[in-house]
PDB file of N, CA and C in Angstrom:
ATOM      1  N   UNK A   1      26.474 -59.448  43.992  1.00  0.00           N
ATOM      2  CA  UNK A   1      25.939 -58.729  42.881  1.00  0.00           C
ATOM      3  C   UNK A   1      25.075 -57.583  43.401  1.00  0.00           C
ATOM      4  N   UNK A   2      25.281 -56.413  42.821  1.00  0.00           N
ATOM      5  CA  UNK A   2      24.543 -55.238  43.279  1.00  0.00           C
ATOM      6  C   UNK A   2      23.115 -55.277  42.757  1.00  0.00           C
ATOM      7  N   UNK A   3      22.178 -54.951  43.625  1.00  0.00           N
ATOM      8  CA  UNK A   3      20.789 -54.866  43.219  1.00  0.00           C
ATOM      9  C   UNK A   3      20.514 -53.469  42.696  1.00  0.00           C
ATOM     10  N   UNK A   4      19.458 -53.330  41.930  1.00  0.00           N
ATOM     11  CA  UNK A   4      19.149 -52.041  41.308  1.00  0.00           C
ATOM     12  C   UNK A   4      18.904 -50.954  42.343  1.00  0.00           C
ATOM     13  N   UNK A   5      18.272 -51.304  43.478  1.00  0.00           N
ATOM     14  CA  UNK A   5      17.982 -50.270  44.465  1.00  0.00           C
ATOM     15  C   UNK A   5      19.217 -49.843  45.253  1.00  0.00           C
ATOM     16  N   UNK A   6      20.324 -50.584  45.133  1.00  0.00           N
ATOM     17  CA  UNK A   6      21.553 -50.217  45.811  1.00  0.00           C
ATOM     18  C   UNK A   6      22.373 -49.195  45.022  1.00  0.00           C
ATOM     19  N   UNK A   7      22.005 -48.934  43.806  1.00  0.00           N
ATOM     20  CA  UNK A   7      22.795 -48.036  42.967  1.00  0.00           C
ATOM     21  C   UNK A   7      22.451 -46.583  43.272  1.00  0.00           C
ATOM     22  N   UNK A   8      23.485 -45.763  43.300  1.00  0.00           N
ATOM     23  CA  UNK A   8      23.267 -44.339  43.537  1.00  0.00           C
ATOM     24  C   UNK A   8      22.924 -43.635  42.227  1.00  0.00           C
ATOM     25  N   UNK A   9      22.501 -42.396  42.333  1.00  0.00           N
ATOM     26  CA  UNK A   9      22.180 -41.612  41.152  1.00  0.00           C
ATOM     27  C   UNK A   9      23.387 -41.385  40.268  1.00  0.00           C
ATOM     28  N   UNK A  10      24.571 -41.280  40.878  1.00  0.00           N
ATOM     29  CA  UNK A  10      25.791 -41.091  40.099  1.00  0.00           C
ATOM     30  C   UNK A  10      26.076 -42.317  39.238  1.00  0.00           C
ATOM     31  N   UNK A  11      25.797 -43.495  39.777  1.00  0.00           N
ATOM     32  CA  UNK A  11      26.021 -44.716  39.003  1.00  0.00           C
ATOM     33  C   UNK A  11      25.064 -44.770  37.815  1.00  0.00           C
ATOM     34  N   UNK A  12      23.806 -44.442  38.044  1.00  0.00           N
ATOM     35  CA  UNK A  12      22.840 -44.452  36.946  1.00  0.00           C
ATOM     36  C   UNK A  12      23.228 -43.446  35.870  1.00  0.00           C
ATOM     37  N   UNK A  13      23.671 -42.279  36.277  1.00  0.00           N
ATOM     38  CA  UNK A  13      24.091 -41.253  35.325  1.00  0.00           C
ATOM     39  C   UNK A  13      25.317 -41.723  34.534  1.00  0.00           C
ATOM     40  N   UNK A  14      26.274 -42.328  35.227  1.00  0.00           N
ATOM     41  CA  UNK A  14      27.466 -42.847  34.560  1.00  0.00           C
ATOM     42  C   UNK A  14      27.141 -43.954  33.576  1.00  0.00           C
ATOM     43  N   UNK A  15      26.209 -44.817  33.954  1.00  0.00           N
ATOM     44  CA  UNK A  15      25.793 -45.889  33.049  1.00  0.00           C
ATOM     45  C   UNK A  15      25.077 -45.328  31.824  1.00  0.00           C
ATOM     46  N   UNK A  16      24.204 -44.362  32.051  1.00  0.00           N
ATOM     47  CA  UNK A  16      23.477 -43.759  30.927  1.00  0.00           C
ATOM     48  C   UNK A  16      24.434 -43.051  29.974  1.00  0.00           C
ATOM     49  N   UNK A  17      25.401 -42.343  30.523  1.00  0.00           N
ATOM     50  CA  UNK A  17      26.387 -41.672  29.662  1.00  0.00           C
ATOM     51  C   UNK A  17      27.257 -42.672  28.921  1.00  0.00           C
ATOM     52  N   UNK A  18      27.567 -43.799  29.559  1.00  0.00           N
ATOM     53  CA  UNK A  18      28.347 -44.835  28.877  1.00  0.00           C
ATOM     54  C   UNK A  18      27.566 -45.410  27.708  1.00  0.00           C
ATOM     55  N   UNK A  19      26.271 -45.568  27.883  1.00  0.00           N
ATOM     56  CA  UNK A  19      25.459 -46.047  26.772  1.00  0.00           C
ATOM     57  C   UNK A  19      25.317 -45.013  25.676  1.00  0.00           C
ATOM     58  N   UNK A  20      25.267 -43.750  26.059  1.00  0.00           N
ATOM     59  CA  UNK A  20      25.053 -42.686  25.079  1.00  0.00           C
ATOM     60  C   UNK A  20      26.300 -42.358  24.275  1.00  0.00           C
ATOM     61  N   UNK A  21      27.449 -42.231  24.915  1.00  0.00           N
ATOM     62  CA  UNK A  21      28.638 -41.759  24.200  1.00  0.00           C
ATOM     63  C   UNK A  21      29.413 -42.885  23.511  1.00  0.00           C
ATOM     64  N   UNK A  22      30.078 -43.774  24.251  1.00  0.00           N
ATOM     65  CA  UNK A  22      30.753 -44.853  23.523  1.00  0.00           C
ATOM     66  C   UNK A  22      29.763 -45.826  22.883  1.00  0.00           C
ATOM     67  N   UNK A  23      28.546 -45.899  23.401  1.00  0.00           N
ATOM     68  CA  UNK A  23      27.528 -46.745  22.790  1.00  0.00           C
ATOM     69  C   UNK A  23      27.162 -46.272  21.389  1.00  0.00           C
ATOM     70  N   UNK A  24      27.054 -44.966  21.216  1.00  0.00           N
ATOM     71  CA  UNK A  24      26.771 -44.423  19.887  1.00  0.00           C
ATOM     72  C   UNK A  24      27.928 -44.690  18.935  1.00  0.00           C
ATOM     73  N   UNK A  25      29.150 -44.472  19.409  1.00  0.00           N
ATOM     74  CA  UNK A  25      30.324 -44.728  18.566  1.00  0.00           C
ATOM     75  C   UNK A  25      30.405 -46.204  18.176  1.00  0.00           C
ATOM     76  N   UNK A  26      30.061 -47.094  19.105  1.00  0.00           N
ATOM     77  CA  UNK A  26      30.060 -48.522  18.805  1.00  0.00           C
ATOM     78  C   UNK A  26      28.993 -48.859  17.772  1.00  0.00           C
ATOM     79  N   UNK A  27      27.818 -48.265  17.873  1.00  0.00           N
ATOM     80  CA  UNK A  27      26.761 -48.504  16.888  1.00  0.00           C
ATOM     81  C   UNK A  27      27.182 -48.032  15.500  1.00  0.00           C
ATOM     82  N   UNK A  28      27.847 -46.893  15.429  1.00  0.00           N
ATOM     83  CA  UNK A  28      28.337 -46.382  14.145  1.00  0.00           C
ATOM     84  C   UNK A  28      29.385 -47.327  13.570  1.00  0.00           C
ATOM     85  N   UNK A  29      30.322 -47.789  14.415  1.00  0.00           N
ATOM     86  CA  UNK A  29      31.376 -48.695  13.950  1.00  0.00           C
ATOM     87  C   UNK A  29      30.784 -50.023  13.480  1.00  0.00           C
ATOM     88  N   UNK A  30      29.807 -50.554  14.208  1.00  0.00           N
ATOM     89  CA  UNK A  30      29.177 -51.811  13.794  1.00  0.00           C
ATOM     90  C   UNK A  30      28.424 -51.654  12.477  1.00  0.00           C
ATOM     91  N   UNK A  31      27.777 -50.514  12.302  1.00  0.00           N
ATOM     92  CA  UNK A  31      27.099 -50.249  11.037  1.00  0.00           C
ATOM     93  C   UNK A  31      28.111 -50.163   9.893  1.00  0.00           C
ATOM     94  N   UNK A  32      29.234 -49.533  10.146  1.00  0.00           N
ATOM     95  CA  UNK A  32      30.284 -49.451   9.129  1.00  0.00           C
ATOM     96  C   UNK A  32      30.866 -50.809   8.790  1.00  0.00           C
ATOM     97  N   UNK A  33      31.041 -51.654   9.809  1.00  0.00           N
ATOM     98  CA  UNK A  33      31.539 -53.001   9.544  1.00  0.00           C
ATOM     99  C   UNK A  33      30.558 -53.794   8.689  1.00  0.00           C
ATOM    100  N   UNK A  34      29.270 -53.662   8.982  1.00  0.00           N
ATOM    101  CA  UNK A  34      28.282 -54.342   8.146  1.00  0.00           C
ATOM    102  C   UNK A  34      28.322 -53.804   6.724  1.00  0.00           C
ATOM    103  N   UNK A  35      28.507 -52.505   6.591  1.00  0.00           N
ATOM    104  CA  UNK A  35      28.539 -51.904   5.259  1.00  0.00           C
ATOM    105  C   UNK A  35      29.685 -52.475   4.430  1.00  0.00           C
ATOM    106  N   UNK A  36      30.846 -52.636   5.038  1.00  0.00           N
ATOM    107  CA  UNK A  36      32.010 -53.107   4.296  1.00  0.00           C
ATOM    108  C   UNK A  36      32.056 -54.619   4.154  1.00  0.00           C
ATOM    109  N   UNK A  37      31.609 -55.334   5.176  1.00  0.00           N
ATOM    110  CA  UNK A  37      31.735 -56.789   5.170  1.00  0.00           C
ATOM    111  C   UNK A  37      30.449 -57.517   4.794  1.00  0.00           C
ATOM    112  N   UNK A  38      29.345 -56.807   4.728  1.00  0.00           N
ATOM    113  CA  UNK A  38      28.064 -57.432   4.417  1.00  0.00           C
ATOM    114  C   UNK A  38      27.973 -57.836   2.958  1.00  0.00           C
ATOM    115  N   UNK A  39      26.860 -58.432   2.577  1.00  0.00           N
ATOM    116  CA  UNK A  39      26.699 -58.905   1.204  1.00  0.00           C
ATOM    117  C   UNK A  39      26.789 -57.766   0.191  1.00  0.00           C
ATOM    118  N   UNK A  40      27.589 -57.962  -0.818  1.00  0.00           N
ATOM    119  CA  UNK A  40      27.731 -56.980  -1.888  1.00  0.00           C
ATOM    120  C   UNK A  40      28.739 -55.884  -1.621  1.00  0.00           C
ATOM    121  N   UNK A  41      29.354 -55.872  -0.449  1.00  0.00           N
ATOM    122  CA  UNK A  41      30.312 -54.810  -0.137  1.00  0.00           C
ATOM    123  C   UNK A  41      29.626 -53.460  -0.105  1.00  0.00           C
ATOM    124  N   UNK A  42      30.267 -52.453  -0.657  1.00  0.00           N
ATOM    125  CA  UNK A  42      29.692 -51.111  -0.672  1.00  0.00           C
ATOM    126  C   UNK A  42      28.987 -50.794  -1.994  1.00  0.00           C
ATOM    127  N   UNK A  43      28.807 -51.797  -2.860  1.00  0.00           N
ATOM    128  CA  UNK A  43      28.252 -51.552  -4.189  1.00  0.00           C
ATOM    129  C   UNK A  43      26.775 -51.181  -4.208  1.00  0.00           C
ATOM    130  N   UNK A  44      25.874 -51.916  -3.549  1.00  0.00           N
ATOM    131  CA  UNK A  44      24.443 -51.599  -3.701  1.00  0.00           C
ATOM    132  C   UNK A  44      24.077 -50.243  -3.100  1.00  0.00           C
ATOM    133  N   UNK A  45      23.310 -49.468  -3.843  1.00  0.00           N
ATOM    134  CA  UNK A  45      22.887 -48.157  -3.349  1.00  0.00           C
ATOM    135  C   UNK A  45      21.926 -48.281  -2.173  1.00  0.00           C
ATOM    136  N   UNK A  46      21.120 -49.323  -2.130  1.00  0.00           N
ATOM    137  CA  UNK A  46      20.163 -49.495  -1.037  1.00  0.00           C
ATOM    138  C   UNK A  46      20.862 -49.725   0.297  1.00  0.00           C
ATOM    139  N   UNK A  47      22.107 -50.153   0.254  1.00  0.00           N
ATOM    140  CA  UNK A  47      22.827 -50.473   1.480  1.00  0.00           C
ATOM    141  C   UNK A  47      23.089 -49.214   2.315  1.00  0.00           C
ATOM    142  N   UNK A  48      23.287 -48.090   1.682  1.00  0.00           N
ATOM    143  CA  UNK A  48      23.525 -46.854   2.423  1.00  0.00           C
ATOM    144  C   UNK A  48      22.311 -46.507   3.287  1.00  0.00           C
ATOM    145  N   UNK A  49      21.148 -46.647   2.719  1.00  0.00           N
ATOM    146  CA  UNK A  49      19.921 -46.350   3.461  1.00  0.00           C
ATOM    147  C   UNK A  49      19.743 -47.321   4.627  1.00  0.00           C
ATOM    148  N   UNK A  50      19.996 -48.600   4.373  1.00  0.00           N
ATOM    149  CA  UNK A  50      19.867 -49.593   5.440  1.00  0.00           C
ATOM    150  C   UNK A  50      20.845 -49.303   6.569  1.00  0.00           C
ATOM    151  N   UNK A  51      22.082 -48.972   6.239  1.00  0.00           N
ATOM    152  CA  UNK A  51      23.084 -48.683   7.279  1.00  0.00           C
ATOM    153  C   UNK A  51      22.734 -47.449   8.078  1.00  0.00           C
ATOM    154  N   UNK A  52      22.110 -46.482   7.443  1.00  0.00           N
ATOM    155  CA  UNK A  52      21.680 -45.294   8.163  1.00  0.00           C
ATOM    156  C   UNK A  52      20.594 -45.653   9.180  1.00  0.00           C
ATOM    157  N   UNK A  53      19.668 -46.526   8.793  1.00  0.00           N
ATOM    158  CA  UNK A  53      18.545 -46.866   9.662  1.00  0.00           C
ATOM    159  C   UNK A  53      18.868 -47.946  10.679  1.00  0.00           C
ATOM    160  N   UNK A  54      19.981 -48.655  10.529  1.00  0.00           N
ATOM    161  CA  UNK A  54      20.323 -49.701  11.489  1.00  0.00           C
ATOM    162  C   UNK A  54      21.011 -49.130  12.734  1.00  0.00           C
ATOM    163  N   UNK A  55      21.524 -47.920  12.651  1.00  0.00           N
ATOM    164  CA  UNK A  55      22.227 -47.327  13.790  1.00  0.00           C
ATOM    165  C   UNK A  55      21.313 -47.128  15.011  1.00  0.00           C
ATOM    166  N   UNK A  56      20.122 -46.528  14.889  1.00  0.00           N
ATOM    167  CA  UNK A  56      19.295 -46.338  16.097  1.00  0.00           C
ATOM    168  C   UNK A  56      18.933 -47.630  16.838  1.00  0.00           C
ATOM    169  N   UNK A  57      18.531 -48.725  16.153  1.00  0.00           N
ATOM    170  CA  UNK A  57      18.255 -49.943  16.921  1.00  0.00           C
ATOM    171  C   UNK A  57      19.498 -50.505  17.617  1.00  0.00           C
ATOM    172  N   UNK A  58      20.640 -50.430  16.945  1.00  0.00           N
ATOM    173  CA  UNK A  58      21.876 -50.882  17.592  1.00  0.00           C
ATOM    174  C   UNK A  58      22.174 -50.039  18.824  1.00  0.00           C
ATOM    175  N   UNK A  59      22.060 -48.729  18.663  1.00  0.00           N
ATOM    176  CA  UNK A  59      22.367 -47.816  19.764  1.00  0.00           C
ATOM    177  C   UNK A  59      21.403 -48.028  20.932  1.00  0.00           C
ATOM    178  N   UNK A  60      20.128 -48.181  20.637  1.00  0.00           N
ATOM    179  CA  UNK A  60      19.155 -48.404  21.705  1.00  0.00           C
ATOM    180  C   UNK A  60      19.382 -49.742  22.410  1.00  0.00           C
ATOM    181  N   UNK A  61      19.787 -50.740  21.657  1.00  0.00           N
ATOM    182  CA  UNK A  61      20.124 -52.018  22.273  1.00  0.00           C
ATOM    183  C   UNK A  61      21.299 -51.901  23.214  1.00  0.00           C
ATOM    184  N   UNK A  62      22.313 -51.156  22.799  1.00  0.00           N
ATOM    185  CA  UNK A  62      23.485 -50.942  23.646  1.00  0.00           C
ATOM    186  C   UNK A  62      23.097 -50.116  24.875  1.00  0.00           C
ATOM    187  N   UNK A  63      22.286 -49.067  24.656  1.00  0.00           N
ATOM    188  CA  UNK A  63      21.863 -48.209  25.770  1.00  0.00           C
ATOM    189  C   UNK A  63      21.052 -48.982  26.810  1.00  0.00           C
ATOM    190  N   UNK A  64      20.257 -49.925  26.372  1.00  0.00           N
ATOM    191  CA  UNK A  64      19.470 -50.686  27.343  1.00  0.00           C
ATOM    192  C   UNK A  64      20.297 -51.795  27.991  1.00  0.00           C
ATOM    193  N   UNK A  65      21.257 -52.352  27.271  1.00  0.00           N
ATOM    194  CA  UNK A  65      22.087 -53.423  27.832  1.00  0.00           C
ATOM    195  C   UNK A  65      23.131 -52.885  28.815  1.00  0.00           C
ATOM    196  N   UNK A  66      23.433 -51.595  28.741  1.00  0.00           N
ATOM    197  CA  UNK A  66      24.473 -51.022  29.593  1.00  0.00           C
ATOM    198  C   UNK A  66      24.096 -51.093  31.076  1.00  0.00           C
ATOM    199  N   UNK A  67      22.813 -51.179  31.377  1.00  0.00           N
ATOM    200  CA  UNK A  67      22.386 -51.223  32.771  1.00  0.00           C
ATOM    201  C   UNK A  67      22.595 -52.587  33.418  1.00  0.00           C
ATOM    202  N   UNK A  68      23.110 -53.544  32.668  1.00  0.00           N
ATOM    203  CA  UNK A  68      23.461 -54.833  33.251  1.00  0.00           C
ATOM    204  C   UNK A  68      24.848 -54.812  33.888  1.00  0.00           C
ATOM    205  N   UNK A  69      25.632 -53.765  33.625  1.00  0.00           N
ATOM    206  CA  UNK A  69      26.953 -53.643  34.243  1.00  0.00           C
ATOM    207  C   UNK A  69      26.805 -53.306  35.716  1.00  0.00           C
ATOM    208  N   UNK A  70      27.733 -53.776  36.513  1.00  0.00           N
ATOM    209  CA  UNK A  70      27.679 -53.525  37.957  1.00  0.00           C
ATOM    210  C   UNK A  70      28.051 -52.097  38.316  1.00  0.00           C
ATOM    211  N   UNK A  71      28.927 -51.495  37.526  1.00  0.00           N
ATOM    212  CA  UNK A  71      29.334 -50.127  37.830  1.00  0.00           C
ATOM    213  C   UNK A  71      29.518 -49.346  36.538  1.00  0.00           C
ATOM    214  N   UNK A  72      29.519 -48.041  36.680  1.00  0.00           N
ATOM    215  CA  UNK A  72      29.721 -47.181  35.517  1.00  0.00           C
ATOM    216  C   UNK A  72      31.128 -47.342  34.965  1.00  0.00           C
ATOM    217  N   UNK A  73      32.102 -47.553  35.841  1.00  0.00           N
ATOM    218  CA  UNK A  73      33.478 -47.724  35.386  1.00  0.00           C
ATOM    219  C   UNK A  73      33.617 -48.958  34.501  1.00  0.00           C
ATOM    220  N   UNK A  74      32.972 -50.048  34.880  1.00  0.00           N
ATOM    221  CA  UNK A  74      33.009 -51.260  34.048  1.00  0.00           C
ATOM    222  C   UNK A  74      32.328 -51.017  32.708  1.00  0.00           C
ATOM    223  N   UNK A  75      31.219 -50.321  32.720  1.00  0.00           N
ATOM    224  CA  UNK A  75      30.508 -50.037  31.476  1.00  0.00           C
ATOM    225  C   UNK A  75      31.373 -49.196  30.544  1.00  0.00           C
ATOM    226  N   UNK A  76      31.987 -48.155  31.083  1.00  0.00           N
ATOM    227  CA  UNK A  76      32.862 -47.311  30.270  1.00  0.00           C
ATOM    228  C   UNK A  76      34.052 -48.105  29.740  1.00  0.00           C
ATOM    229  N   UNK A  77      34.632 -48.951  30.577  1.00  0.00           N
ATOM    230  CA  UNK A  77      35.796 -49.740  30.151  1.00  0.00           C
ATOM    231  C   UNK A  77      35.418 -50.729  29.046  1.00  0.00           C
ATOM    232  N   UNK A  78      34.343 -51.482  29.237  1.00  0.00           N
ATOM    233  CA  UNK A  78      33.942 -52.475  28.245  1.00  0.00           C
ATOM    234  C   UNK A  78      33.471 -51.821  26.955  1.00  0.00           C
ATOM    235  N   UNK A  79      32.640 -50.803  27.062  1.00  0.00           N
ATOM    236  CA  UNK A  79      32.148 -50.156  25.840  1.00  0.00           C
ATOM    237  C   UNK A  79      33.257 -49.377  25.137  1.00  0.00           C
ATOM    238  N   UNK A  80      34.130 -48.757  25.916  1.00  0.00           N
ATOM    239  CA  UNK A  80      35.266 -48.077  25.304  1.00  0.00           C
ATOM    240  C   UNK A  80      36.189 -49.048  24.594  1.00  0.00           C
ATOM    241  N   UNK A  81      36.443 -50.188  25.226  1.00  0.00           N
ATOM    242  CA  UNK A  81      37.283 -51.207  24.596  1.00  0.00           C
ATOM    243  C   UNK A  81      36.637 -51.788  23.360  1.00  0.00           C
ATOM    244  N   UNK A  82      35.337 -52.078  23.441  1.00  0.00           N
ATOM    245  CA  UNK A  82      34.629 -52.620  22.279  1.00  0.00           C
ATOM    246  C   UNK A  82      34.598 -51.615  21.129  1.00  0.00           C
ATOM    247  N   UNK A  83      34.439 -50.345  21.469  1.00  0.00           N
ATOM    248  CA  UNK A  83      34.439 -49.303  20.447  1.00  0.00           C
ATOM    249  C   UNK A  83      35.815 -49.182  19.799  1.00  0.00           C
ATOM    250  N   UNK A  84      36.865 -49.237  20.611  1.00  0.00           N
ATOM    251  CA  UNK A  84      38.222 -49.163  20.064  1.00  0.00           C
ATOM    252  C   UNK A  84      38.516 -50.351  19.153  1.00  0.00           C
ATOM    253  N   UNK A  85      38.114 -51.538  19.566  1.00  0.00           N
ATOM    254  CA  UNK A  85      38.336 -52.730  18.736  1.00  0.00           C
ATOM    255  C   UNK A  85      37.533 -52.643  17.441  1.00  0.00           C
ATOM    256  N   UNK A  86      36.260 -52.277  17.539  1.00  0.00           N
ATOM    257  CA  UNK A  86      35.426 -52.172  16.337  1.00  0.00           C
ATOM    258  C   UNK A  86      35.950 -51.084  15.396  1.00  0.00           C
ATOM    259  N   UNK A  87      36.406 -49.973  15.970  1.00  0.00           N
ATOM    260  CA  UNK A  87      36.978 -48.908  15.144  1.00  0.00           C
ATOM    261  C   UNK A  87      38.267 -49.342  14.460  1.00  0.00           C
ATOM    262  N   UNK A  88      39.111 -50.086  15.178  1.00  0.00           N
ATOM    263  CA  UNK A  88      40.358 -50.571  14.581  1.00  0.00           C
ATOM    264  C   UNK A  88      40.081 -51.583  13.475  1.00  0.00           C
ATOM    265  N   UNK A  89      39.123 -52.467  13.709  1.00  0.00           N
ATOM    266  CA  UNK A  89      38.766 -53.444  12.677  1.00  0.00           C
ATOM    267  C   UNK A  89      38.168 -52.739  11.461  1.00  0.00           C
ATOM    268  N   UNK A  90      37.317 -51.761  11.683  1.00  0.00           N
ATOM    269  CA  UNK A  90      36.740 -50.994  10.576  1.00  0.00           C
ATOM    270  C   UNK A  90      37.834 -50.269   9.796  1.00  0.00           C
ATOM    271  N   UNK A  91      38.780 -49.667  10.502  1.00  0.00           N
ATOM    272  CA  UNK A  91      39.899 -48.989   9.847  1.00  0.00           C
ATOM    273  C   UNK A  91      40.700 -49.966   8.997  1.00  0.00           C
ATOM    274  N   UNK A  92      40.986 -51.144   9.558  1.00  0.00           N
ATOM    275  CA  UNK A  92      41.764 -52.149   8.832  1.00  0.00           C
ATOM    276  C   UNK A  92      41.005 -52.653   7.608  1.00  0.00           C
ATOM    277  N   UNK A  93      39.715 -52.912   7.768  1.00  0.00           N
ATOM    278  CA  UNK A  93      38.910 -53.414   6.649  1.00  0.00           C
ATOM    279  C   UNK A  93      38.855 -52.388   5.519  1.00  0.00           C
ATOM    280  N   UNK A  94      38.653 -51.143   5.890  1.00  0.00           N
ATOM    281  CA  UNK A  94      38.560 -50.087   4.860  1.00  0.00           C
ATOM    282  C   UNK A  94      39.855 -49.925   4.108  1.00  0.00           C
ATOM    283  N   UNK A  95      40.975 -50.015   4.793  1.00  0.00           N
ATOM    284  CA  UNK A  95      42.256 -49.764   4.139  1.00  0.00           C
ATOM    285  C   UNK A  95      42.847 -51.002   3.482  1.00  0.00           C
ATOM    286  N   UNK A  96      42.459 -52.174   3.930  1.00  0.00           N
ATOM    287  CA  UNK A  96      42.974 -53.388   3.302  1.00  0.00           C
ATOM    288  C   UNK A  96      42.133 -53.847   2.117  1.00  0.00           C
ATOM    289  N   UNK A  97      40.858 -53.457   2.109  1.00  0.00           N
ATOM    290  CA  UNK A  97      40.003 -53.885   0.992  1.00  0.00           C
ATOM    291  C   UNK A  97      40.105 -52.935  -0.195  1.00  0.00           C
ATOM    292  N   UNK A  98      40.786 -51.835   0.008  1.00  0.00           N
ATOM    293  CA  UNK A  98      41.087 -50.913  -1.086  1.00  0.00           C
ATOM    294  C   UNK A  98      39.915 -50.223  -1.609  1.00  0.00           C
TER     295      UNK A  98
END
């Protein structure tokens, strides 16, 4: 297992970018899934405000958890895959729930 002091600056930059780019997309997709699948569906007006404010904590959680990956390539692969899955599920939920 790689220790933190063994990582180069390129690895840290790659990890930070993985948290920032696909991490943001994942936070948006998770917020959308909660909006569609959460209590009340999309009916309550207060839900829009909550979904808007839930994105930053999700994104910050992802950005801080990304540094547990051993390499930037793994972080990009896992976050990219998770984002693709969450986006596909969100797409399916939106189109199947009518």
